[in-house]
Amino acid sequence: MVIVIKKNTSKKRVKALLKKARPAKRKGFDARKHLGKMKLDEDTLLIQKRLRDEWA
């Protein structure tokens, strides 16, 4: 989408155009909500390696 904003466009109009151009909020899982919530005693890479070794 291309928005043309000329020099004499008012701030109010620019804000309205930008608001209209922003995508609607996506449905689905919001991972940011859970960021930093887990307390781990072990290094994350070691956990990842251990889990991957279980699959082999």
C-alpha atoms as a PDB file:
ATOM      1  CA  MET A   1       0.000   0.000   0.000  1.00  0.00           C
ATOM      2  CA  VAL A   2       1.314   3.420  -0.912  1.00  0.00           C
ATOM      3  CA  ILE A   3       0.286   6.556   0.939  1.00  0.00           C
ATOM      4  CA  VAL A   4       1.062   9.910  -0.643  1.00  0.00           C
ATOM      5  CA  ILE A   5       1.566  12.664   1.907  1.00  0.00           C
ATOM      6  CA  LYS A   6       2.167  16.129   0.555  1.00  0.00           C
ATOM      7  CA  LYS A   7       3.886  18.997   2.354  1.00  0.00           C
ATOM      8  CA  ASN A   8       0.691  20.864   3.127  1.00  0.00           C
ATOM      9  CA  THR A   9      -1.117  17.836   4.625  1.00  0.00           C
ATOM     10  CA  SER A  10      -2.180  18.517   8.197  1.00  0.00           C
ATOM     11  CA  LYS A  11      -0.882  16.440  11.117  1.00  0.00           C
ATOM     12  CA  LYS A  12      -4.405  15.322  11.863  1.00  0.00           C
ATOM     13  CA  ARG A  13      -4.837  14.003   8.320  1.00  0.00           C
ATOM     14  CA  VAL A  14      -1.434  12.257   8.407  1.00  0.00           C
ATOM     15  CA  LYS A  15      -2.339  10.475  11.652  1.00  0.00           C
ATOM     16  CA  ALA A  16      -5.665   9.406  10.168  1.00  0.00           C
ATOM     17  CA  LEU A  17      -3.962   8.024   7.058  1.00  0.00           C
ATOM     18  CA  LEU A  18      -1.380   6.110   9.114  1.00  0.00           C
ATOM     19  CA  LYS A  19      -4.055   4.691  11.392  1.00  0.00           C
ATOM     20  CA  LYS A  20      -6.010   3.507   8.377  1.00  0.00           C
ATOM     21  CA  ALA A  21      -2.916   1.885   6.838  1.00  0.00           C
ATOM     22  CA  ARG A  22      -1.956  -0.146   9.916  1.00  0.00           C
ATOM     23  CA  PRO A  23      -2.950  -3.794   9.688  1.00  0.00           C
ATOM     24  CA  ALA A  24      -5.734  -5.038  11.927  1.00  0.00           C
ATOM     25  CA  LYS A  25      -4.744  -6.949  15.019  1.00  0.00           C
ATOM     26  CA  ARG A  26      -4.019 -10.539  14.134  1.00  0.00           C
ATOM     27  CA  LYS A  27      -5.801 -13.424  15.697  1.00  0.00           C
ATOM     28  CA  GLY A  28      -3.801 -16.228  17.184  1.00  0.00           C
ATOM     29  CA  PHE A  29      -1.248 -16.858  19.875  1.00  0.00           C
ATOM     30  CA  ASP A  30       0.466 -13.840  21.439  1.00  0.00           C
ATOM     31  CA  ALA A  31       3.872 -15.158  22.518  1.00  0.00           C
ATOM     32  CA  ARG A  32       4.980 -11.768  23.881  1.00  0.00           C
ATOM     33  CA  LYS A  33       2.455 -12.145  26.681  1.00  0.00           C
ATOM     34  CA  HIS A  34       4.533 -15.008  28.106  1.00  0.00           C
ATOM     35  CA  LEU A  35       7.975 -13.515  27.528  1.00  0.00           C
ATOM     36  CA  GLY A  36      10.259 -14.008  30.534  1.00  0.00           C
ATOM     37  CA  LYS A  37       7.706 -15.906  32.624  1.00  0.00           C
ATOM     38  CA  MET A  38       9.613 -19.195  32.903  1.00  0.00           C
ATOM     39  CA  LYS A  39      12.339 -19.584  35.484  1.00  0.00           C
ATOM     40  CA  LEU A  40      15.004 -22.026  34.334  1.00  0.00           C
ATOM     41  CA  ASP A  41      17.764 -23.595  36.414  1.00  0.00           C
ATOM     42  CA  GLU A  42      19.597 -24.908  33.360  1.00  0.00           C
ATOM     43  CA  ASP A  43      21.070 -23.259  30.286  1.00  0.00           C
ATOM     44  CA  THR A  44      18.500 -23.084  27.480  1.00  0.00           C
ATOM     45  CA  LEU A  45      20.897 -24.528  24.885  1.00  0.00           C
ATOM     46  CA  LEU A  46      21.564 -27.552  27.101  1.00  0.00           C
ATOM     47  CA  ILE A  47      17.818 -28.101  27.474  1.00  0.00           C
ATOM     48  CA  GLN A  48      17.363 -27.853  23.714  1.00  0.00           C
ATOM     49  CA  LYS A  49      20.181 -30.337  23.016  1.00  0.00           C
ATOM     50  CA  ARG A  50      18.805 -32.798  25.570  1.00  0.00           C
ATOM     51  CA  LEU A  51      15.318 -32.617  24.049  1.00  0.00           C
ATOM     52  CA  ARG A  52      16.669 -33.120  20.538  1.00  0.00           C
ATOM     53  CA  ASP A  53      18.726 -36.122  21.668  1.00  0.00           C
ATOM     54  CA  GLU A  54      15.533 -37.735  22.982  1.00  0.00           C
ATOM     55  CA  TRP A  55      14.078 -37.718  19.468  1.00  0.00           C
ATOM     56  CA  ALA A  56      17.042 -39.517  17.903  1.00  0.00           C
END
